């Protein structure tokens, strides 16, 4: 409920429970509570919300084979790597004086630069 996959997961839930609008309303409300709990650092409330939905979804999946298959599809699709490949991007820096690395990117994680010691 807290990850970027939530939008896609919610679409699957909407298809699975199209006849049960109250369940989707409860799911949205619980997501709001879960987000607030994480923002406030309240791990006990977050754990309670997660446990409640884990139990509800387990009961739904054991009572209806079609729902169980939908959950399997959902989990498989969320665990799958993206099928599209990002386009190659080539940047050129022309002119000026650059005394260190220059990085142009939309998203960077775990990037480390090791600069040689100054020589004077």
PDB file of N, CA and C in Angstrom:
ATOM      1  N   UNK A   1       0.811  -1.197   0.000  1.00  0.00           N
ATOM      2  CA  UNK A   1       0.000   0.000   0.000  1.00  0.00           C
ATOM      3  C   UNK A   1       0.857   1.265   0.000  1.00  0.00           C
ATOM      4  N   UNK A   2       2.111   1.132   0.347  1.00  0.00           N
ATOM      5  CA  UNK A   2       2.978   2.304   0.435  1.00  0.00           C
ATOM      6  C   UNK A   2       3.906   2.462  -0.754  1.00  0.00           C
ATOM      7  N   UNK A   3       3.958   1.468  -1.617  1.00  0.00           N
ATOM      8  CA  UNK A   3       4.926   1.502  -2.712  1.00  0.00           C
ATOM      9  C   UNK A   3       4.331   2.114  -3.962  1.00  0.00           C
ATOM     10  N   UNK A   4       5.196   2.340  -4.951  1.00  0.00           N
ATOM     11  CA  UNK A   4       4.749   2.870  -6.233  1.00  0.00           C
ATOM     12  C   UNK A   4       3.841   1.885  -6.958  1.00  0.00           C
ATOM     13  N   UNK A   5       3.863   0.625  -6.566  1.00  0.00           N
ATOM     14  CA  UNK A   5       3.034  -0.398  -7.201  1.00  0.00           C
ATOM     15  C   UNK A   5       1.573  -0.293  -6.787  1.00  0.00           C
ATOM     16  N   UNK A   6       1.261   0.576  -5.839  1.00  0.00           N
ATOM     17  CA  UNK A   6      -0.101   0.656  -5.316  1.00  0.00           C
ATOM     18  C   UNK A   6      -1.125   0.963  -6.405  1.00  0.00           C
ATOM     19  N   UNK A   7      -0.814   1.863  -7.327  1.00  0.00           N
ATOM     20  CA  UNK A   7      -1.768   2.230  -8.365  1.00  0.00           C
ATOM     21  C   UNK A   7      -2.176   1.014  -9.183  1.00  0.00           C
ATOM     22  N   UNK A   8      -1.191   0.214  -9.583  1.00  0.00           N
ATOM     23  CA  UNK A   8      -1.490  -0.994 -10.357  1.00  0.00           C
ATOM     24  C   UNK A   8      -2.231  -2.022  -9.496  1.00  0.00           C
ATOM     25  N   UNK A   9      -1.808  -2.178  -8.255  1.00  0.00           N
ATOM     26  CA  UNK A   9      -2.470  -3.129  -7.358  1.00  0.00           C
ATOM     27  C   UNK A   9      -3.924  -2.736  -7.143  1.00  0.00           C
ATOM     28  N   UNK A  10      -4.178  -1.444  -6.988  1.00  0.00           N
ATOM     29  CA  UNK A  10      -5.547  -0.987  -6.761  1.00  0.00           C
ATOM     30  C   UNK A  10      -6.435  -1.298  -7.966  1.00  0.00           C
ATOM     31  N   UNK A  11      -5.895  -1.195  -9.182  1.00  0.00           N
ATOM     32  CA  UNK A  11      -6.671  -1.538 -10.376  1.00  0.00           C
ATOM     33  C   UNK A  11      -7.090  -3.008 -10.334  1.00  0.00           C
ATOM     34  N   UNK A  12      -6.155  -3.875  -9.930  1.00  0.00           N
ATOM     35  CA  UNK A  12      -6.472  -5.306  -9.845  1.00  0.00           C
ATOM     36  C   UNK A  12      -7.524  -5.547  -8.763  1.00  0.00           C
ATOM     37  N   UNK A  13      -7.365  -4.897  -7.609  1.00  0.00           N
ATOM     38  CA  UNK A  13      -8.362  -5.028  -6.546  1.00  0.00           C
ATOM     39  C   UNK A  13      -9.730  -4.562  -7.031  1.00  0.00           C
ATOM     40  N   UNK A  14      -9.763  -3.472  -7.783  1.00  0.00           N
ATOM     41  CA  UNK A  14     -11.040  -2.960  -8.292  1.00  0.00           C
ATOM     42  C   UNK A  14     -11.706  -3.980  -9.203  1.00  0.00           C
ATOM     43  N   UNK A  15     -10.911  -4.670 -10.047  1.00  0.00           N
ATOM     44  CA  UNK A  15     -11.483  -5.713 -10.916  1.00  0.00           C
ATOM     45  C   UNK A  15     -11.967  -6.903 -10.092  1.00  0.00           C
ATOM     46  N   UNK A  16     -11.155  -7.309  -9.105  1.00  0.00           N
ATOM     47  CA  UNK A  16     -11.524  -8.467  -8.292  1.00  0.00           C
ATOM     48  C   UNK A  16     -12.774  -8.213  -7.459  1.00  0.00           C
ATOM     49  N   UNK A  17     -12.906  -6.999  -6.952  1.00  0.00           N
ATOM     50  CA  UNK A  17     -13.999  -6.698  -6.029  1.00  0.00           C
ATOM     51  C   UNK A  17     -14.942  -5.643  -6.598  1.00  0.00           C
ATOM     52  N   UNK A  18     -15.181  -5.706  -7.905  1.00  0.00           N
ATOM     53  CA  UNK A  18     -16.023  -4.701  -8.551  1.00  0.00           C
ATOM     54  C   UNK A  18     -17.432  -4.671  -7.958  1.00  0.00           C
ATOM     55  N   UNK A  19     -17.888  -5.787  -7.442  1.00  0.00           N
ATOM     56  CA  UNK A  19     -19.219  -5.837  -6.843  1.00  0.00           C
ATOM     57  C   UNK A  19     -19.231  -5.455  -5.378  1.00  0.00           C
ATOM     58  N   UNK A  20     -18.060  -5.161  -4.822  1.00  0.00           N
ATOM     59  CA  UNK A  20     -17.992  -4.855  -3.394  1.00  0.00           C
ATOM     60  C   UNK A  20     -17.309  -3.501  -3.191  1.00  0.00           C
ATOM     61  N   UNK A  21     -18.074  -2.446  -3.466  1.00  0.00           N
ATOM     62  CA  UNK A  21     -17.532  -1.092  -3.339  1.00  0.00           C
ATOM     63  C   UNK A  21     -17.099  -0.752  -1.933  1.00  0.00           C
ATOM     64  N   UNK A  22     -17.785  -1.332  -0.938  1.00  0.00           N
ATOM     65  CA  UNK A  22     -17.425  -1.005   0.448  1.00  0.00           C
ATOM     66  C   UNK A  22     -16.030  -1.528   0.787  1.00  0.00           C
ATOM     67  N   UNK A  23     -15.637  -2.651   0.211  1.00  0.00           N
ATOM     68  CA  UNK A  23     -14.302  -3.184   0.461  1.00  0.00           C
ATOM     69  C   UNK A  23     -13.236  -2.247  -0.116  1.00  0.00           C
ATOM     70  N   UNK A  24     -13.494  -1.729  -1.307  1.00  0.00           N
ATOM     71  CA  UNK A  24     -12.548  -0.787  -1.916  1.00  0.00           C
ATOM     72  C   UNK A  24     -12.469   0.509  -1.118  1.00  0.00           C
ATOM     73  N   UNK A  25     -13.606   0.954  -0.593  1.00  0.00           N
ATOM     74  CA  UNK A  25     -13.619   2.157   0.244  1.00  0.00           C
ATOM     75  C   UNK A  25     -12.803   1.923   1.518  1.00  0.00           C
ATOM     76  N   UNK A  26     -12.981   0.766   2.130  1.00  0.00           N
ATOM     77  CA  UNK A  26     -12.211   0.420   3.327  1.00  0.00           C
ATOM     78  C   UNK A  26     -10.720   0.320   3.016  1.00  0.00           C
ATOM     79  N   UNK A  27     -10.399  -0.243   1.855  1.00  0.00           N
ATOM     80  CA  UNK A  27      -9.008  -0.375   1.447  1.00  0.00           C
ATOM     81  C   UNK A  27      -8.358   0.998   1.290  1.00  0.00           C
ATOM     82  N   UNK A  28      -9.072   1.934   0.660  1.00  0.00           N
ATOM     83  CA  UNK A  28      -8.557   3.299   0.518  1.00  0.00           C
ATOM     84  C   UNK A  28      -8.373   3.969   1.879  1.00  0.00           C
ATOM     85  N   UNK A  29      -9.341   3.786   2.756  1.00  0.00           N
ATOM     86  CA  UNK A  29      -9.238   4.383   4.093  1.00  0.00           C
ATOM     87  C   UNK A  29      -8.047   3.803   4.851  1.00  0.00           C
ATOM     88  N   UNK A  30      -7.873   2.500   4.748  1.00  0.00           N
ATOM     89  CA  UNK A  30      -6.748   1.849   5.436  1.00  0.00           C
ATOM     90  C   UNK A  30      -5.416   2.317   4.869  1.00  0.00           C
ATOM     91  N   UNK A  31      -5.362   2.534   3.562  1.00  0.00           N
ATOM     92  CA  UNK A  31      -4.125   3.047   2.963  1.00  0.00           C
ATOM     93  C   UNK A  31      -3.794   4.422   3.540  1.00  0.00           C
ATOM     94  N   UNK A  32      -4.801   5.282   3.657  1.00  0.00           N
ATOM     95  CA  UNK A  32      -4.578   6.600   4.255  1.00  0.00           C
ATOM     96  C   UNK A  32      -4.058   6.500   5.675  1.00  0.00           C
ATOM     97  N   UNK A  33      -4.640   5.599   6.464  1.00  0.00           N
ATOM     98  CA  UNK A  33      -4.185   5.392   7.836  1.00  0.00           C
ATOM     99  C   UNK A  33      -2.754   4.853   7.866  1.00  0.00           C
ATOM    100  N   UNK A  34      -2.455   3.947   6.941  1.00  0.00           N
ATOM    101  CA  UNK A  34      -1.123   3.347   6.884  1.00  0.00           C
ATOM    102  C   UNK A  34      -0.070   4.385   6.506  1.00  0.00           C
ATOM    103  N   UNK A  35      -0.381   5.213   5.527  1.00  0.00           N
ATOM    104  CA  UNK A  35       0.548   6.278   5.131  1.00  0.00           C
ATOM    105  C   UNK A  35       0.789   7.211   6.310  1.00  0.00           C
ATOM    106  N   UNK A  36      -0.281   7.604   7.003  1.00  0.00           N
ATOM    107  CA  UNK A  36      -0.146   8.501   8.157  1.00  0.00           C
ATOM    108  C   UNK A  36       0.682   7.851   9.261  1.00  0.00           C
ATOM    109  N   UNK A  37       0.455   6.573   9.510  1.00  0.00           N
ATOM    110  CA  UNK A  37       1.213   5.871  10.547  1.00  0.00           C
ATOM    111  C   UNK A  37       2.702   5.847  10.212  1.00  0.00           C
ATOM    112  N   UNK A  38       3.035   5.581   8.954  1.00  0.00           N
ATOM    113  CA  UNK A  38       4.445   5.569   8.551  1.00  0.00           C
ATOM    114  C   UNK A  38       5.063   6.956   8.648  1.00  0.00           C
ATOM    115  N   UNK A  39       4.315   7.982   8.263  1.00  0.00           N
ATOM    116  CA  UNK A  39       4.825   9.355   8.355  1.00  0.00           C
ATOM    117  C   UNK A  39       5.081   9.759   9.803  1.00  0.00           C
ATOM    118  N   UNK A  40       4.267   9.240  10.713  1.00  0.00           N
ATOM    119  CA  UNK A  40       4.405   9.568  12.135  1.00  0.00           C
ATOM    120  C   UNK A  40       5.339   8.605  12.862  1.00  0.00           C
ATOM    121  N   UNK A  41       5.827   7.602  12.144  1.00  0.00           N
ATOM    122  CA  UNK A  41       6.722   6.623  12.756  1.00  0.00           C
ATOM    123  C   UNK A  41       6.020   5.687  13.724  1.00  0.00           C
ATOM    124  N   UNK A  42       4.718   5.510  13.559  1.00  0.00           N
ATOM    125  CA  UNK A  42       3.934   4.651  14.451  1.00  0.00           C
ATOM    126  C   UNK A  42       3.884   3.239  13.889  1.00  0.00           C
ATOM    127  N   UNK A  43       4.909   2.462  14.180  1.00  0.00           N
ATOM    128  CA  UNK A  43       5.005   1.113  13.611  1.00  0.00           C
ATOM    129  C   UNK A  43       3.943   0.164  14.165  1.00  0.00           C
ATOM    130  N   UNK A  44       3.455   0.416  15.377  1.00  0.00           N
ATOM    131  CA  UNK A  44       2.431  -0.460  15.956  1.00  0.00           C
ATOM    132  C   UNK A  44       1.124  -0.349  15.173  1.00  0.00           C
ATOM    133  N   UNK A  45       0.714   0.874  14.860  1.00  0.00           N
ATOM    134  CA  UNK A  45      -0.518   1.062  14.084  1.00  0.00           C
ATOM    135  C   UNK A  45      -0.335   0.488  12.681  1.00  0.00           C
ATOM    136  N   UNK A  46       0.817   0.739  12.069  1.00  0.00           N
ATOM    137  CA  UNK A  46       1.092   0.199  10.733  1.00  0.00           C
ATOM    138  C   UNK A  46       1.013  -1.325  10.755  1.00  0.00           C
ATOM    139  N   UNK A  47       1.604  -1.949  11.755  1.00  0.00           N
ATOM    140  CA  UNK A  47       1.581  -3.415  11.861  1.00  0.00           C
ATOM    141  C   UNK A  47       0.153  -3.931  12.038  1.00  0.00           C
ATOM    142  N   UNK A  48      -0.669  -3.214  12.814  1.00  0.00           N
ATOM    143  CA  UNK A  48      -2.067  -3.619  13.004  1.00  0.00           C
ATOM    144  C   UNK A  48      -2.848  -3.563  11.697  1.00  0.00           C
ATOM    145  N   UNK A  49      -2.652  -2.499  10.928  1.00  0.00           N
ATOM    146  CA  UNK A  49      -3.356  -2.360   9.650  1.00  0.00           C
ATOM    147  C   UNK A  49      -2.928  -3.466   8.691  1.00  0.00           C
ATOM    148  N   UNK A  50      -1.630  -3.705   8.613  1.00  0.00           N
ATOM    149  CA  UNK A  50      -1.129  -4.761   7.733  1.00  0.00           C
ATOM    150  C   UNK A  50      -1.656  -6.126   8.146  1.00  0.00           C
ATOM    151  N   UNK A  51      -1.677  -6.402   9.451  1.00  0.00           N
ATOM    152  CA  UNK A  51      -2.164  -7.697   9.940  1.00  0.00           C
ATOM    153  C   UNK A  51      -3.652  -7.866   9.631  1.00  0.00           C
ATOM    154  N   UNK A  52      -4.415  -6.797   9.815  1.00  0.00           N
ATOM    155  CA  UNK A  52      -5.852  -6.860   9.537  1.00  0.00           C
ATOM    156  C   UNK A  52      -6.111  -7.209   8.077  1.00  0.00           C
ATOM    157  N   UNK A  53      -5.408  -6.544   7.148  1.00  0.00           N
ATOM    158  CA  UNK A  53      -5.628  -6.817   5.733  1.00  0.00           C
ATOM    159  C   UNK A  53      -5.049  -8.149   5.304  1.00  0.00           C
ATOM    160  N   UNK A  54      -3.970  -8.549   5.921  1.00  0.00           N
ATOM    161  CA  UNK A  54      -3.409  -9.876   5.607  1.00  0.00           C
ATOM    162  C   UNK A  54      -4.440 -10.953   5.924  1.00  0.00           C
ATOM    163  N   UNK A  55      -5.091 -10.847   7.085  1.00  0.00           N
ATOM    164  CA  UNK A  55      -6.104 -11.819   7.489  1.00  0.00           C
ATOM    165  C   UNK A  55      -7.327 -11.749   6.572  1.00  0.00           C
ATOM    166  N   UNK A  56      -7.808 -10.545   6.275  1.00  0.00           N
ATOM    167  CA  UNK A  56      -8.981 -10.393   5.404  1.00  0.00           C
ATOM    168  C   UNK A  56      -8.718 -10.966   4.014  1.00  0.00           C
ATOM    169  N   UNK A  57      -7.543 -10.657   3.462  1.00  0.00           N
ATOM    170  CA  UNK A  57      -7.228 -11.143   2.111  1.00  0.00           C
ATOM    171  C   UNK A  57      -7.013 -12.654   2.095  1.00  0.00           C
ATOM    172  N   UNK A  58      -6.443 -13.184   3.171  1.00  0.00           N
ATOM    173  CA  UNK A  58      -6.282 -14.646   3.258  1.00  0.00           C
ATOM    174  C   UNK A  58      -7.648 -15.316   3.274  1.00  0.00           C
ATOM    175  N   UNK A  59      -8.581 -14.776   4.062  1.00  0.00           N
ATOM    176  CA  UNK A  59      -9.927 -15.356   4.123  1.00  0.00           C
ATOM    177  C   UNK A  59     -10.634 -15.265   2.774  1.00  0.00           C
ATOM    178  N   UNK A  60     -10.492 -14.124   2.098  1.00  0.00           N
ATOM    179  CA  UNK A  60     -11.111 -13.975   0.779  1.00  0.00           C
ATOM    180  C   UNK A  60     -10.534 -14.960  -0.226  1.00  0.00           C
ATOM    181  N   UNK A  61      -9.224 -15.146  -0.186  1.00  0.00           N
ATOM    182  CA  UNK A  61      -8.596 -16.039  -1.169  1.00  0.00           C
ATOM    183  C   UNK A  61      -8.920 -17.506  -0.911  1.00  0.00           C
ATOM    184  N   UNK A  62      -9.111 -17.881   0.350  1.00  0.00           N
ATOM    185  CA  UNK A  62      -9.444 -19.288   0.627  1.00  0.00           C
ATOM    186  C   UNK A  62     -10.913 -19.585   0.384  1.00  0.00           C
ATOM    187  N   UNK A  63     -11.757 -18.553   0.376  1.00  0.00           N
ATOM    188  CA  UNK A  63     -13.189 -18.795   0.167  1.00  0.00           C
ATOM    189  C   UNK A  63     -13.585 -18.753  -1.307  1.00  0.00           C
ATOM    190  N   UNK A  64     -12.721 -18.198  -2.171  1.00  0.00           N
ATOM    191  CA  UNK A  64     -13.086 -18.046  -3.578  1.00  0.00           C
ATOM    192  C   UNK A  64     -11.864 -18.303  -4.470  1.00  0.00           C
ATOM    193  N   UNK A  65     -11.879 -19.396  -5.249  1.00  0.00           N
ATOM    194  CA  UNK A  65     -10.736 -19.723  -6.107  1.00  0.00           C
ATOM    195  C   UNK A  65     -10.421 -18.631  -7.143  1.00  0.00           C
ATOM    196  N   UNK A  66     -11.449 -17.938  -7.643  1.00  0.00           N
ATOM    197  CA  UNK A  66     -11.215 -16.872  -8.619  1.00  0.00           C
ATOM    198  C   UNK A  66     -10.461 -15.705  -7.975  1.00  0.00           C
ATOM    199  N   UNK A  67     -10.819 -15.385  -6.757  1.00  0.00           N
ATOM    200  CA  UNK A  67     -10.116 -14.327  -6.026  1.00  0.00           C
ATOM    201  C   UNK A  67      -8.681 -14.751  -5.762  1.00  0.00           C
ATOM    202  N   UNK A  68      -8.486 -16.003  -5.388  1.00  0.00           N
ATOM    203  CA  UNK A  68      -7.128 -16.509  -5.142  1.00  0.00           C
ATOM    204  C   UNK A  68      -6.281 -16.390  -6.408  1.00  0.00           C
ATOM    205  N   UNK A  69      -6.845 -16.747  -7.552  1.00  0.00           N
ATOM    206  CA  UNK A  69      -6.112 -16.634  -8.819  1.00  0.00           C
ATOM    207  C   UNK A  69      -5.785 -15.174  -9.122  1.00  0.00           C
ATOM    208  N   UNK A  70      -6.709 -14.283  -8.801  1.00  0.00           N
ATOM    209  CA  UNK A  70      -6.457 -12.854  -8.992  1.00  0.00           C
ATOM    210  C   UNK A  70      -5.317 -12.355  -8.131  1.00  0.00           C
ATOM    211  N   UNK A  71      -5.254 -12.835  -6.883  1.00  0.00           N
ATOM    212  CA  UNK A  71      -4.151 -12.454  -5.997  1.00  0.00           C
ATOM    213  C   UNK A  71      -2.819 -12.968  -6.538  1.00  0.00           C
ATOM    214  N   UNK A  72      -2.816 -14.198  -7.028  1.00  0.00           N
ATOM    215  CA  UNK A  72      -1.581 -14.761  -7.591  1.00  0.00           C
ATOM    216  C   UNK A  72      -1.129 -13.913  -8.781  1.00  0.00           C
ATOM    217  N   UNK A  73      -2.059 -13.541  -9.641  1.00  0.00           N
ATOM    218  CA  UNK A  73      -1.735 -12.687 -10.787  1.00  0.00           C
ATOM    219  C   UNK A  73      -1.182 -11.342 -10.317  1.00  0.00           C
ATOM    220  N   UNK A  74      -1.818 -10.762  -9.327  1.00  0.00           N
ATOM    221  CA  UNK A  74      -1.370  -9.473  -8.793  1.00  0.00           C
ATOM    222  C   UNK A  74       0.053  -9.560  -8.268  1.00  0.00           C
ATOM    223  N   UNK A  75       0.317 -10.546  -7.434  1.00  0.00           N
ATOM    224  CA  UNK A  75       1.651 -10.679  -6.843  1.00  0.00           C
ATOM    225  C   UNK A  75       2.703 -10.969  -7.902  1.00  0.00           C
ATOM    226  N   UNK A  76       2.350 -11.774  -8.885  1.00  0.00           N
ATOM    227  CA  UNK A  76       3.288 -12.085  -9.964  1.00  0.00           C
ATOM    228  C   UNK A  76       3.604 -10.836 -10.779  1.00  0.00           C
ATOM    229  N   UNK A  77       2.582 -10.059 -11.085  1.00  0.00           N
ATOM    230  CA  UNK A  77       2.801  -8.864 -11.900  1.00  0.00           C
ATOM    231  C   UNK A  77       3.601  -7.811 -11.147  1.00  0.00           C
ATOM    232  N   UNK A  78       3.427  -7.724  -9.835  1.00  0.00           N
ATOM    233  CA  UNK A  78       4.175  -6.735  -9.058  1.00  0.00           C
ATOM    234  C   UNK A  78       5.627  -7.145  -8.872  1.00  0.00           C
ATOM    235  N   UNK A  79       5.907  -8.439  -8.882  1.00  0.00           N
ATOM    236  CA  UNK A  79       7.273  -8.925  -8.716  1.00  0.00           C
ATOM    237  C   UNK A  79       8.039  -8.976 -10.033  1.00  0.00           C
ATOM    238  N   UNK A  80       7.331  -8.883 -11.158  1.00  0.00           N
ATOM    239  CA  UNK A  80       7.976  -8.996 -12.465  1.00  0.00           C
ATOM    240  C   UNK A  80       8.754  -7.724 -12.780  1.00  0.00           C
ATOM    241  N   UNK A  81       9.913  -7.891 -13.411  1.00  0.00           N
ATOM    242  CA  UNK A  81      10.634  -6.693 -13.851  1.00  0.00           C
ATOM    243  C   UNK A  81       9.886  -6.044 -15.002  1.00  0.00           C
ATOM    244  N   UNK A  82      10.052  -4.757 -15.187  1.00  0.00           N
ATOM    245  CA  UNK A  82       9.366  -4.098 -16.291  1.00  0.00           C
ATOM    246  C   UNK A  82       9.766  -4.704 -17.635  1.00  0.00           C
ATOM    247  N   UNK A  83       8.811  -4.760 -18.550  1.00  0.00           N
ATOM    248  CA  UNK A  83       9.087  -5.371 -19.849  1.00  0.00           C
ATOM    249  C   UNK A  83       9.624  -4.358 -20.845  1.00  0.00           C
ATOM    250  N   UNK A  84       9.501  -3.086 -20.545  1.00  0.00           N
ATOM    251  CA  UNK A  84      10.011  -2.077 -21.468  1.00  0.00           C
ATOM    252  C   UNK A  84      11.405  -1.652 -21.040  1.00  0.00           C
ATOM    253  N   UNK A  85      12.212  -1.344 -22.024  1.00  0.00           N
ATOM    254  CA  UNK A  85      13.583  -0.913 -21.767  1.00  0.00           C
ATOM    255  C   UNK A  85      13.645   0.590 -21.947  1.00  0.00           C
ATOM    256  N   UNK A  86      14.282   1.253 -21.024  1.00  0.00           N
ATOM    257  CA  UNK A  86      14.431   2.697 -21.136  1.00  0.00           C
ATOM    258  C   UNK A  86      15.311   3.026 -22.332  1.00  0.00           C
ATOM    259  N   UNK A  87      15.013   4.123 -22.974  1.00  0.00           N
ATOM    260  CA  UNK A  87      15.803   4.551 -24.123  1.00  0.00           C
ATOM    261  C   UNK A  87      17.183   5.000 -23.663  1.00  0.00           C
ATOM    262  N   UNK A  88      18.169   4.789 -24.525  1.00  0.00           N
ATOM    263  CA  UNK A  88      19.521   5.264 -24.229  1.00  0.00           C
ATOM    264  C   UNK A  88      19.544   6.781 -24.303  1.00  0.00           C
ATOM    265  N   UNK A  89      20.265   7.383 -23.388  1.00  0.00           N
ATOM    266  CA  UNK A  89      20.408   8.835 -23.363  1.00  0.00           C
ATOM    267  C   UNK A  89      21.884   9.165 -23.426  1.00  0.00           C
ATOM    268  N   UNK A  90      22.235  10.075 -24.304  1.00  0.00           N
ATOM    269  CA  UNK A  90      23.623  10.503 -24.437  1.00  0.00           C
ATOM    270  C   UNK A  90      23.676  12.008 -24.224  1.00  0.00           C
ATOM    271  N   UNK A  91      24.453  12.441 -23.258  1.00  0.00           N
ATOM    272  CA  UNK A  91      24.595  13.861 -22.959  1.00  0.00           C
ATOM    273  C   UNK A  91      26.010  14.302 -23.298  1.00  0.00           C
ATOM    274  N   UNK A  92      26.129  15.520 -23.785  1.00  0.00           N
ATOM    275  CA  UNK A  92      27.437  16.101 -24.077  1.00  0.00           C
ATOM    276  C   UNK A  92      27.547  17.423 -23.330  1.00  0.00           C
ATOM    277  N   UNK A  93      28.684  17.646 -22.723  1.00  0.00           N
ATOM    278  CA  UNK A  93      28.945  18.907 -22.040  1.00  0.00           C
ATOM    279  C   UNK A  93      30.047  19.601 -22.821  1.00  0.00           C
ATOM    280  N   UNK A  94      29.721  20.785 -23.314  1.00  0.00           N
ATOM    281  CA  UNK A  94      30.659  21.506 -24.169  1.00  0.00           C
ATOM    282  C   UNK A  94      30.943  22.863 -23.532  1.00  0.00           C
ATOM    283  N   UNK A  95      32.215  23.198 -23.459  1.00  0.00           N
ATOM    284  CA  UNK A  95      32.593  24.510 -22.950  1.00  0.00           C
ATOM    285  C   UNK A  95      32.654  24.546 -21.436  1.00  0.00           C
ATOM    286  N   UNK A  96      33.257  25.566 -20.935  1.00  0.00           N
ATOM    287  CA  UNK A  96      33.344  25.724 -19.495  1.00  0.00           C
ATOM    288  C   UNK A  96      34.440  24.868 -18.904  1.00  0.00           C
ATOM    289  N   UNK A  97      34.691  25.075 -17.640  1.00  0.00           N
ATOM    290  CA  UNK A  97      35.713  24.319 -16.913  1.00  0.00           C
ATOM    291  C   UNK A  97      35.002  23.464 -15.873  1.00  0.00           C
ATOM    292  N   UNK A  98      35.261  22.174 -15.905  1.00  0.00           N
ATOM    293  CA  UNK A  98      34.640  21.249 -14.967  1.00  0.00           C
ATOM    294  C   UNK A  98      35.747  20.553 -14.200  1.00  0.00           C
ATOM    295  N   UNK A  99      35.776  20.774 -12.911  1.00  0.00           N
ATOM    296  CA  UNK A  99      36.845  20.217 -12.087  1.00  0.00           C
ATOM    297  C   UNK A  99      36.414  18.946 -11.365  1.00  0.00           C
ATOM    298  N   UNK A 100      35.363  18.342 -11.807  1.00  0.00           N
ATOM    299  CA  UNK A 100      34.890  17.112 -11.181  1.00  0.00           C
ATOM    300  C   UNK A 100      33.860  16.459 -12.070  1.00  0.00           C
ATOM    301  N   UNK A 101      33.341  15.362 -11.628  1.00  0.00           N
ATOM    302  CA  UNK A 101      32.347  14.647 -12.432  1.00  0.00           C
ATOM    303  C   UNK A 101      31.078  15.481 -12.616  1.00  0.00           C
ATOM    304  N   UNK A 102      30.448  15.322 -13.742  1.00  0.00           N
ATOM    305  CA  UNK A 102      29.171  15.957 -14.026  1.00  0.00           C
ATOM    306  C   UNK A 102      28.181  14.838 -14.328  1.00  0.00           C
ATOM    307  N   UNK A 103      27.047  14.855 -13.648  1.00  0.00           N
ATOM    308  CA  UNK A 103      26.044  13.808 -13.839  1.00  0.00           C
ATOM    309  C   UNK A 103      24.725  14.461 -14.194  1.00  0.00           C
ATOM    310  N   UNK A 104      24.105  13.979 -15.256  1.00  0.00           N
ATOM    311  CA  UNK A 104      22.773  14.413 -15.631  1.00  0.00           C
ATOM    312  C   UNK A 104      21.879  13.185 -15.594  1.00  0.00           C
ATOM    313  N   UNK A 105      20.861  13.235 -14.769  1.00  0.00           N
ATOM    314  CA  UNK A 105      20.000  12.065 -14.642  1.00  0.00           C
ATOM    315  C   UNK A 105      18.681  12.450 -14.006  1.00  0.00           C
ATOM    316  N   UNK A 106      17.701  11.581 -14.191  1.00  0.00           N
ATOM    317  CA  UNK A 106      16.412  11.777 -13.553  1.00  0.00           C
ATOM    318  C   UNK A 106      16.364  11.149 -12.176  1.00  0.00           C
ATOM    319  N   UNK A 107      17.071  10.055 -11.989  1.00  0.00           N
ATOM    320  CA  UNK A 107      17.057   9.347 -10.708  1.00  0.00           C
ATOM    321  C   UNK A 107      18.393   8.644 -10.534  1.00  0.00           C
ATOM    322  N   UNK A 108      19.022   8.877  -9.397  1.00  0.00           N
ATOM    323  CA  UNK A 108      20.315   8.248  -9.116  1.00  0.00           C
ATOM    324  C   UNK A 108      20.258   7.681  -7.711  1.00  0.00           C
ATOM    325  N   UNK A 109      20.786   6.477  -7.546  1.00  0.00           N
ATOM    326  CA  UNK A 109      20.906   5.920  -6.202  1.00  0.00           C
ATOM    327  C   UNK A 109      22.234   5.191  -6.097  1.00  0.00           C
ATOM    328  N   UNK A 110      22.790   5.238  -4.920  1.00  0.00           N
ATOM    329  CA  UNK A 110      24.044   4.546  -4.612  1.00  0.00           C
ATOM    330  C   UNK A 110      25.172   4.910  -5.576  1.00  0.00           C
ATOM    331  N   UNK A 111      25.394   6.180  -5.745  1.00  0.00           N
ATOM    332  CA  UNK A 111      26.441   6.666  -6.622  1.00  0.00           C
ATOM    333  C   UNK A 111      27.574   7.206  -5.761  1.00  0.00           C
ATOM    334  N   UNK A 112      28.790   6.765  -6.036  1.00  0.00           N
ATOM    335  CA  UNK A 112      29.959   7.202  -5.258  1.00  0.00           C
ATOM    336  C   UNK A 112      31.035   7.705  -6.187  1.00  0.00           C
ATOM    337  N   UNK A 113      31.590   8.862  -5.861  1.00  0.00           N
ATOM    338  CA  UNK A 113      32.731   9.400  -6.606  1.00  0.00           C
ATOM    339  C   UNK A 113      33.950   9.333  -5.716  1.00  0.00           C
ATOM    340  N   UNK A 114      35.034   8.908  -6.269  1.00  0.00           N
ATOM    341  CA  UNK A 114      36.302   8.908  -5.546  1.00  0.00           C
ATOM    342  C   UNK A 114      37.243   9.842  -6.295  1.00  0.00           C
ATOM    343  N   UNK A 115      37.510  10.962  -5.682  1.00  0.00           N
ATOM    344  CA  UNK A 115      38.377  11.959  -6.305  1.00  0.00           C
ATOM    345  C   UNK A 115      39.813  11.734  -5.858  1.00  0.00           C
ATOM    346  N   UNK A 116      40.766  11.898  -6.774  1.00  0.00           N
ATOM    347  CA  UNK A 116      42.161  11.751  -6.375  1.00  0.00           C
ATOM    348  C   UNK A 116      42.549  12.900  -5.444  1.00  0.00           C
ATOM    349  N   UNK A 117      43.530  12.663  -4.571  1.00  0.00           N
ATOM    350  CA  UNK A 117      43.946  13.744  -3.664  1.00  0.00           C
ATOM    351  C   UNK A 117      44.515  14.918  -4.457  1.00  0.00           C
ATOM    352  N   UNK A 118      44.315  16.109  -3.933  1.00  0.00           N
ATOM    353  CA  UNK A 118      44.844  17.304  -4.596  1.00  0.00           C
ATOM    354  C   UNK A 118      46.352  17.240  -4.683  1.00  0.00           C
ATOM    355  N   UNK A 119      46.852  17.630  -5.844  1.00  0.00           N
ATOM    356  CA  UNK A 119      48.315  17.653  -6.050  1.00  0.00           C
ATOM    357  C   UNK A 119      48.728  19.118  -6.200  1.00  0.00           C
ATOM    358  N   UNK A 120      49.461  19.630  -5.258  1.00  0.00           N
ATOM    359  CA  UNK A 120      49.894  21.021  -5.323  1.00  0.00           C
ATOM    360  C   UNK A 120      51.372  21.129  -5.198  1.00  0.00           C
TER     361      UNK A 120
END
